[in-house]
Amino acid sequence: MYEKSTNGIRISVRPEYLPDQSEPEKGYFVWAYHIAIRNEGRRTVTLLTRHWRIVDARGRVQEVRGAGVVGEQPTLRPGESFEYTSGTPLPTAGGFMGGSYQMQTDDGEVFEVEIPTFSLDVPDATGPLH
């Protein structure tokens, strides 16, 4: 589990390799990542956008930006959480990803929340792990 707290918003990430959706012989490896967003602050916030930076084992970088997460822009009151699962494929048996969410408070303040960088590794793969 990877965790990071920014401005009272705690992000927890648990990556999971999906062997049943991967085709290693074709250079296709798939991971799910389970995200929990918890508002530990005192203000209600809405998740506006996401930004991911995905890096494979060869150092190739893919940037992903968009509105919300899994088609939603959740609003979290103090003490509330939102969880979702998404996924990403890589052409290598390892890599890492991280990024940020853009949040907005009820009174219009916009701020960034860091998503902790987490490792994407095939269990029992040969070579260095991240």
Protein backbone atom coordinates (compact mmCIF):
# COMPACT_ATOMS: atom_id res chain seq x y z
CA MET A 1 0.00 0.00 0.00
CA TYR A 2 1.23 3.46 -0.92
CA GLU A 3 -0.08 6.56 0.88
CA LYS A 4 0.36 10.32 0.69
CA SER A 5 -1.47 13.18 2.36
CA THR A 6 -1.66 16.68 0.86
CA ASN A 7 -3.73 19.56 2.29
CA GLY A 8 -5.81 17.17 4.40
CA ILE A 9 -6.56 14.77 1.53
CA ARG A 10 -5.13 11.25 1.96
CA ILE A 11 -4.58 9.14 -1.14
CA SER A 12 -4.01 5.39 -0.70
CA VAL A 13 -3.04 3.15 -3.64
CA ARG A 14 -2.84 -0.62 -3.93
CA PRO A 15 -1.56 -1.87 -7.31
CA GLU A 16 -2.32 -5.40 -8.50
CA TYR A 17 -0.86 -7.29 -11.45
CA LEU A 18 -3.54 -8.98 -13.59
CA PRO A 19 -2.01 -12.12 -15.15
CA ASP A 20 -5.34 -13.21 -16.66
CA GLN A 21 -5.52 -10.01 -18.74
CA SER A 22 -1.81 -9.90 -19.61
CA GLU A 23 -0.02 -11.49 -22.56
CA PRO A 24 3.69 -11.46 -21.62
CA GLU A 25 4.73 -13.25 -24.81
CA LYS A 26 3.28 -10.28 -26.75
CA GLY A 27 4.77 -7.62 -24.46
CA TYR A 28 1.42 -6.76 -22.88
CA PHE A 29 1.20 -6.49 -19.08
CA VAL A 30 -1.87 -5.19 -17.21
CA TRP A 31 -2.26 -3.80 -13.70
CA ALA A 32 -5.26 -2.66 -11.72
CA TYR A 33 -4.83 0.04 -9.13
CA HIS A 34 -7.23 0.50 -6.26
CA ILE A 35 -7.48 4.09 -5.01
CA ALA A 36 -8.99 5.45 -1.80
CA ILE A 37 -9.37 9.22 -1.44
CA ARG A 38 -10.15 10.37 2.11
CA ASN A 39 -10.93 13.92 3.17
CA GLU A 40 -9.18 14.34 6.51
CA GLY A 41 -9.46 18.13 6.33
CA ARG A 42 -12.10 20.56 7.53
CA ARG A 43 -13.48 21.69 4.16
CA THR A 44 -15.67 19.96 1.58
CA VAL A 45 -13.76 19.31 -1.65
CA THR A 46 -14.62 18.18 -5.19
CA LEU A 47 -12.19 16.26 -7.38
CA LEU A 48 -12.02 18.14 -10.69
CA THR A 49 -9.25 16.53 -12.75
CA ARG A 50 -6.59 13.83 -12.73
CA HIS A 51 -3.04 13.78 -14.09
CA TRP A 52 -1.06 10.55 -14.35
CA ARG A 53 2.57 10.04 -15.29
CA ILE A 54 3.17 6.40 -16.27
CA VAL A 55 6.73 5.18 -16.88
CA ASP A 56 7.59 1.73 -18.24
CA ALA A 57 10.78 -0.24 -17.52
CA ARG A 58 12.46 1.27 -20.60
CA GLY A 59 11.88 4.79 -19.32
CA ARG A 60 9.12 5.68 -21.79
CA VAL A 61 6.67 8.17 -20.29
CA GLN A 62 2.95 8.45 -20.92
CA GLU A 63 0.98 11.40 -19.53
CA VAL A 64 -2.77 11.07 -18.98
CA ARG A 65 -5.01 14.01 -18.11
CA GLY A 66 -8.75 14.23 -17.82
CA ALA A 67 -11.82 15.27 -15.90
CA GLY A 68 -12.61 13.35 -12.73
CA VAL A 69 -11.96 9.66 -12.18
CA VAL A 70 -13.88 6.69 -13.66
CA GLY A 71 -16.45 9.14 -15.06
CA GLU A 72 -17.11 10.86 -11.73
CA GLN A 73 -16.14 14.08 -9.98
CA PRO A 74 -16.79 13.09 -6.38
CA THR A 75 -17.48 15.64 -3.65
CA LEU A 76 -16.14 14.70 -0.22
CA ARG A 77 -17.24 16.30 3.02
CA PRO A 78 -14.81 16.15 5.97
CA GLY A 79 -14.38 12.52 7.02
CA GLU A 80 -15.79 11.07 3.79
CA SER A 81 -14.00 8.75 1.36
CA PHE A 82 -14.31 7.75 -2.28
CA GLU A 83 -12.84 4.54 -3.69
CA TYR A 84 -12.40 3.33 -7.23
CA THR A 85 -10.44 0.87 -9.32
CA SER A 86 -8.88 1.52 -12.70
CA GLY A 87 -6.06 -0.02 -14.68
CA THR A 88 -3.19 0.47 -17.05
CA PRO A 89 -1.29 -1.70 -19.54
CA LEU A 90 2.46 -1.56 -20.08
CA PRO A 91 4.68 -3.04 -22.80
CA THR A 92 7.19 -4.12 -20.12
CA ALA A 93 7.01 -6.32 -17.01
CA GLY A 94 7.50 -3.33 -14.75
CA GLY A 95 7.24 0.38 -14.33
CA PHE A 96 5.74 2.94 -12.03
CA MET A 97 3.11 5.65 -12.00
CA GLY A 98 2.07 8.62 -9.94
CA GLY A 99 0.44 11.97 -10.43
CA SER A 100 -2.05 14.38 -8.94
CA TYR A 101 -5.68 15.31 -8.56
CA GLN A 102 -6.93 18.86 -8.84
CA MET A 103 -9.42 19.62 -6.06
CA GLN A 104 -11.70 22.56 -5.39
CA THR A 105 -13.14 23.65 -2.06
CA ASP A 106 -16.71 24.89 -1.56
CA ASP A 107 -15.43 28.48 -1.52
CA GLY A 108 -13.67 28.08 -4.90
CA GLU A 109 -10.05 27.48 -3.85
CA VAL A 110 -8.32 25.11 -6.29
CA PHE A 111 -5.32 23.02 -5.20
CA GLU A 112 -3.32 19.96 -6.23
CA VAL A 113 -3.23 16.70 -4.26
CA GLU A 114 -0.29 14.39 -4.89
CA ILE A 115 -0.92 10.77 -5.79
CA PRO A 116 1.98 8.74 -4.39
CA THR A 117 4.24 7.16 -6.98
CA PHE A 118 3.75 3.41 -6.92
CA SER A 119 5.53 0.45 -8.44
CA LEU A 120 4.09 -1.80 -11.15
CA ASP A 121 5.97 -5.10 -11.11
CA VAL A 122 5.14 -8.60 -12.24
CA PRO A 123 5.50 -10.95 -9.27
CA ASP A 124 8.50 -13.26 -9.63
CA ALA A 125 9.78 -11.33 -12.68
CA THR A 126 13.50 -11.47 -13.33
CA GLY A 127 15.42 -8.23 -13.17
CA PRO A 128 15.30 -5.27 -10.81
CA LEU A 129 12.09 -4.26 -9.12
CA HIS A 130 11.14 -0.60 -8.69
